[in-house]
Protein backbone atom coordinates (compact mmCIF):
# COMPACT_ATOMS: atom_id res chain seq x y z
CA MET A 1 73.56 31.89 250.72
CA ALA A 2 73.14 31.61 247.02
CA GLU A 3 75.87 30.45 244.85
CA GLY A 4 78.63 32.63 244.71
CA GLU A 5 77.59 34.57 247.75
CA ARG A 6 79.65 36.42 250.13
CA ARG A 7 78.48 37.31 253.30
CA VAL A 8 80.66 39.29 256.15
CA ILE A 9 78.83 39.04 259.16
CA SER A 10 79.15 40.84 262.73
CA LEU A 11 78.26 39.86 265.72
CA VAL A 12 77.35 42.86 268.32
CA GLY A 13 75.94 43.23 271.57
CA GLY A 14 76.17 40.37 274.67
CA GLY A 15 75.23 36.96 276.36
CA GLY A 16 76.71 34.66 274.21
CA LYS A 17 78.08 36.19 270.80
CA THR A 18 81.20 34.54 270.77
CA THR A 19 79.58 31.01 271.07
CA THR A 20 76.76 31.94 268.75
CA MET A 21 79.50 32.82 266.56
CA TYR A 22 81.23 29.74 266.31
CA ALA A 23 77.93 27.62 265.88
CA LEU A 24 77.43 29.66 262.90
CA ALA A 25 80.66 28.87 261.80
CA GLU A 26 80.33 24.96 261.99
CA ILE A 27 76.91 25.64 260.26
CA PHE A 28 78.95 27.44 257.17
CA ARG A 29 81.61 24.88 257.36
CA GLU A 30 79.45 21.79 256.96
CA GLU A 31 77.78 23.65 254.09
CA GLY A 32 81.66 23.14 252.62
CA LYS A 33 81.64 27.35 252.96
CA LYS A 34 85.35 28.61 253.37
CA VAL A 35 84.81 30.27 256.97
CA ILE A 36 86.95 32.91 258.25
CA VAL A 37 86.30 33.54 262.03
CA THR A 38 88.12 37.23 263.77
CA THR A 39 87.08 40.31 265.18
CA SER A 40 87.39 44.03 264.75
CA THR A 41 87.79 44.43 268.86
CA HIS A 42 88.97 41.24 270.94
CA LEU A 43 88.29 37.95 270.67
CA GLN A 44 90.22 34.84 273.13
CA THR A 45 92.93 33.50 270.83
CA PRO A 46 91.88 29.91 269.81
CA PRO A 47 93.51 26.35 270.05
CA GLU A 48 96.44 26.41 267.77
CA GLU A 49 95.09 23.98 265.08
CA ILE A 50 92.29 26.31 263.90
CA ARG A 51 94.62 29.64 264.11
CA ALA A 52 96.03 30.74 260.44
CA ARG A 53 98.42 33.43 260.97
CA ASN A 54 98.76 34.05 257.06
CA ILE A 55 96.78 32.85 253.95
CA GLU A 56 98.53 30.03 253.09
CA GLU A 57 98.12 28.55 256.32
CA VAL A 58 94.33 30.01 255.92
CA ARG A 59 94.16 27.85 252.44
CA SER A 60 95.71 25.02 254.43
CA LEU A 61 93.01 24.63 257.12
CA TRP A 62 90.52 25.07 254.48
CA LYS A 63 91.75 22.33 252.54
CA SER A 64 91.29 20.32 255.78
CA ASP A 65 87.52 21.04 256.02
CA GLN A 66 88.24 23.64 258.85
CA ILE A 67 87.67 26.75 260.17
CA ALA A 68 90.59 29.62 260.21
CA VAL A 69 90.63 31.87 263.08
CA ILE A 70 92.46 34.91 262.13
CA GLY A 71 93.78 38.02 264.57
CA THR A 72 96.70 39.97 265.73
CA ASP A 73 98.42 38.63 269.12
CA CYS A 74 97.53 41.25 271.84
CA GLU A 75 99.49 41.29 275.49
CA ASN A 76 97.79 38.75 278.09
CA ALA A 77 94.52 40.20 279.56
CA LYS A 78 93.50 40.00 282.88
CA LYS A 79 90.02 37.70 283.98
CA SER A 80 88.99 38.01 287.58
CA GLU A 81 87.19 34.86 288.30
CA THR A 82 85.01 34.70 291.80
CA ASP A 83 85.06 31.88 293.94
CA GLY A 84 83.76 32.20 297.01
CA GLN A 85 84.84 35.13 299.30
CA LYS A 86 88.26 34.70 296.76
CA ILE A 87 89.00 36.86 293.55
CA ALA A 88 91.99 34.88 291.52
CA GLU A 89 93.38 36.60 288.09
CA LYS A 90 93.85 34.72 285.33
CA SER A 91 95.52 34.77 282.24
CA VAL A 92 93.45 35.51 279.25
CA ARG A 93 95.14 35.29 275.87
CA LYS A 94 93.56 37.71 273.19
CA MET A 95 93.49 38.74 269.50
CA SER A 96 92.86 41.92 267.98
CA ILE A 97 91.86 42.89 264.50
CA PRO A 98 94.03 41.53 261.66
CA GLU A 99 96.89 43.45 259.51
CA PRO A 100 94.72 45.22 257.19
CA VAL A 101 96.70 43.32 254.10
CA PHE A 102 96.25 39.84 255.74
CA LEU A 103 92.17 41.02 255.86
CA GLN A 104 91.99 42.14 252.85
CA GLU A 105 93.36 38.65 251.46
CA VAL A 106 90.92 36.99 253.65
CA LEU A 107 88.03 39.32 252.47
CA GLN A 108 88.60 38.15 248.33
CA GLU A 109 89.40 34.47 248.73
CA ALA A 110 86.42 33.59 251.75
CA GLU A 111 82.95 33.01 251.39
CA VAL A 112 81.68 33.49 255.16
CA VAL A 113 83.55 35.75 257.15
CA LEU A 114 82.20 35.74 260.87
CA ILE A 115 83.63 38.76 263.03
CA GLU A 116 82.99 39.38 267.25
CA ALA A 117 82.77 43.30 266.52
CA ASP A 118 81.64 44.31 269.87
CA GLY A 119 82.75 43.39 274.06
CA ALA A 120 80.66 43.40 276.91
CA LYS A 121 82.48 41.79 279.64
CA HIS A 122 80.55 38.77 279.42
CA LEU A 123 77.29 40.54 280.45
CA PRO A 124 74.28 39.52 278.58
CA CYS A 125 72.96 43.24 277.31
CA LYS A 126 74.86 46.38 276.43
CA VAL A 127 74.42 49.88 275.17
CA PRO A 128 77.25 51.15 273.33
CA ILE A 129 79.56 53.99 273.76
CA GLU A 130 80.75 56.30 270.54
CA LYS A 131 83.32 54.05 269.38
CA GLU A 132 81.23 50.51 269.49
CA PRO A 133 80.42 48.43 267.70
CA VAL A 134 83.64 48.28 265.13
CA ILE A 135 81.73 47.42 262.04
CA ILE A 136 84.17 47.42 259.08
CA PRO A 137 82.82 48.84 255.36
CA GLU A 138 82.82 45.07 253.95
CA CYS A 139 80.28 43.67 256.34
CA THR A 140 76.93 42.65 254.71
CA ASP A 141 75.16 41.66 257.79
CA VAL A 142 74.57 42.39 261.74
CA ILE A 143 73.47 40.06 264.28
CA ALA A 144 72.69 41.37 267.60
CA VAL A 145 73.34 38.92 270.64
CA VAL A 146 71.48 39.56 273.86
CA GLY A 147 70.84 36.71 276.77
CA MET A 148 67.41 36.15 278.39
CA ASP A 149 68.87 35.91 281.81
CA ALA A 150 68.76 39.87 281.88
CA LEU A 151 65.34 39.93 282.30
CA GLY A 152 64.34 40.23 285.98
CA LYS A 153 67.73 41.59 286.87
CA PRO A 154 68.87 44.83 288.40
CA LEU A 155 70.49 46.90 285.40
CA GLU A 156 73.68 47.50 287.24
CA GLU A 157 74.48 43.66 287.46
CA VAL A 158 73.47 42.85 283.80
CA CYS A 159 74.05 45.83 281.43
CA PHE A 160 77.63 46.72 280.26
CA ARG A 161 78.17 50.61 280.02
CA LYS A 162 75.32 50.63 283.06
CA ASP A 163 76.08 54.21 283.17
CA LEU A 164 74.67 54.65 279.24
CA ALA A 165 72.19 52.29 279.99
CA VAL A 166 70.69 54.11 283.07
CA GLN A 167 70.35 57.55 280.45
CA PHE A 168 69.22 55.36 277.62
CA LEU A 169 66.45 53.83 279.41
CA ASN A 170 65.71 57.19 281.45
CA THR A 171 65.75 54.51 284.65
CA SER A 172 67.58 53.59 287.52
CA TYR A 173 70.80 51.39 288.25
CA LYS A 174 67.80 49.25 290.69
CA HIS A 175 65.41 49.31 288.00
CA LEU A 176 64.54 45.29 287.06
CA ILE A 177 65.14 44.70 282.99
CA ALA A 178 61.96 43.90 281.60
CA GLU A 179 60.78 42.85 277.79
CA GLU A 180 60.36 46.31 276.68
CA ASP A 181 63.95 47.51 277.64
CA ILE A 182 65.70 44.66 275.73
CA ALA A 183 63.07 45.35 272.23
CA LYS A 184 64.37 49.34 272.99
CA ILE A 185 68.06 48.50 272.85
CA LEU A 186 67.74 46.00 270.18
CA SER A 187 65.84 48.32 267.78
CA SER A 188 67.71 51.48 268.48
CA VAL A 189 70.52 53.03 266.38
CA GLN A 190 71.61 54.23 270.02
CA GLY A 191 71.44 50.70 270.60
CA ALA A 192 72.42 47.04 268.70
CA ARG A 193 71.63 48.63 265.80
CA LYS A 194 74.29 51.39 265.84
CA GLY A 195 76.19 51.43 262.37
CA VAL A 196 73.70 48.89 261.16
CA GLU A 197 72.31 51.02 258.34
CA ASP A 198 71.35 49.75 255.27
CA ARG A 199 73.10 45.99 255.95
CA LYS A 200 70.89 43.09 256.97
CA TYR A 201 69.58 42.94 260.75
CA CYS A 202 69.25 39.95 262.69
CA VAL A 203 68.49 38.99 266.65
CA VAL A 204 69.34 36.25 268.56
CA LEU A 205 67.36 36.39 272.01
CA ASN A 206 70.48 33.82 273.03
CA LYS A 207 69.74 31.60 276.60
CA CYS A 208 65.94 30.92 276.50
CA ASP A 209 66.88 27.62 278.17
CA ASP A 210 63.49 27.02 279.85
CA GLU A 211 60.02 27.67 278.76
CA ILE A 212 59.34 31.14 281.36
CA ARG A 213 62.43 32.45 279.11
CA LYS A 214 61.47 31.61 275.72
CA GLU A 215 57.72 32.96 276.36
CA ARG A 216 59.32 36.58 277.52
CA ALA A 217 61.64 36.29 274.65
CA GLY A 218 58.43 35.96 272.65
CA LYS A 219 57.19 39.32 273.61
CA ILE A 220 60.17 40.92 272.38
CA ARG A 221 59.78 39.48 269.36
CA SER A 222 56.56 41.18 269.02
CA LEU A 223 57.46 44.33 270.24
CA LEU A 224 59.91 43.85 267.77
CA LYS A 225 57.91 42.76 264.74
CA GLU A 226 55.59 46.41 265.82
CA LYS A 227 59.47 48.43 264.72
CA SER A 228 59.31 46.16 261.64
CA ILE A 229 62.69 43.99 263.08
CA GLU A 230 61.26 40.57 261.76
CA ASN A 231 64.82 38.59 261.65
CA VAL A 232 64.63 37.19 265.26
CA MET A 233 65.58 34.24 266.50
CA ILE A 234 65.13 32.23 270.18
CA THR A 235 68.12 29.93 271.00
CA SER A 236 69.50 28.33 274.06
CA TYR A 237 73.13 26.31 274.62
CA GLU A 238 70.94 23.15 273.49
CA ASN A 239 69.04 24.43 270.65
CA ARG A 240 71.31 27.44 269.37
CA GLN A 241 73.11 25.54 266.08
CA ASN A 242 69.62 23.92 265.21
CA GLU A 243 67.58 27.50 265.13
CA LEU A 244 70.42 29.30 263.46
CA LYS A 245 70.60 26.41 260.79
CA LYS A 246 67.29 27.04 260.11
CA TYR A 247 67.74 30.65 259.60
CA PHE A 248 70.97 31.24 257.73
CA ILE A 249 70.48 27.85 256.06
CA PRO A 250 66.97 27.35 254.98
CA ALA A 251 65.79 23.74 253.77
């Protein structure tokens, strides 16, 4: 980032958006930036020690060299967890978009704002409906995240909005997701590029935790390059922060 530059970065897609967002937050925090994490849809409520409910609490966290997470409390959601044959309902605290006045206050003072702007119900890929993603006008960058664990799996198991995905890819629910499918989703304005317009667009091919996935991600990167999408990172749980740092904070 150039001196004085402000970045408002929206993360869309599936396959690790929240983890990628917090990894980026830590990278920018280490660079001494004033960092906000928030959502334009829904985000799991963070630990209290990094939660801020007004601009004074935001400034206090920045002064203590912390990121600040902001949002409006939602009613508790229910998340199903499968354990063998049993399905347990677990209460999950979530936040929605901050109040407009509060959001504008932090947009004026923050140097980096990271926004979870999409949902995928923990699935690795998705095709958005008409109202998705929720990209605010101030957004400067869009990062599309997709999990490479989708490859080789049936569409109906790994794609959020599977009915739309079947139509978009012109295939069946049993179709095994291939590199060409991921590239089509990531390159289309009906897919992950929806709402990007003239903003900077980056792709994170995530969960490349073995050599086979890395190789297949490399093929997707080549397919995207053919469509003039150059900003593509191949990451895994082990190296995500290093790869993101190399891209966003060049040496």
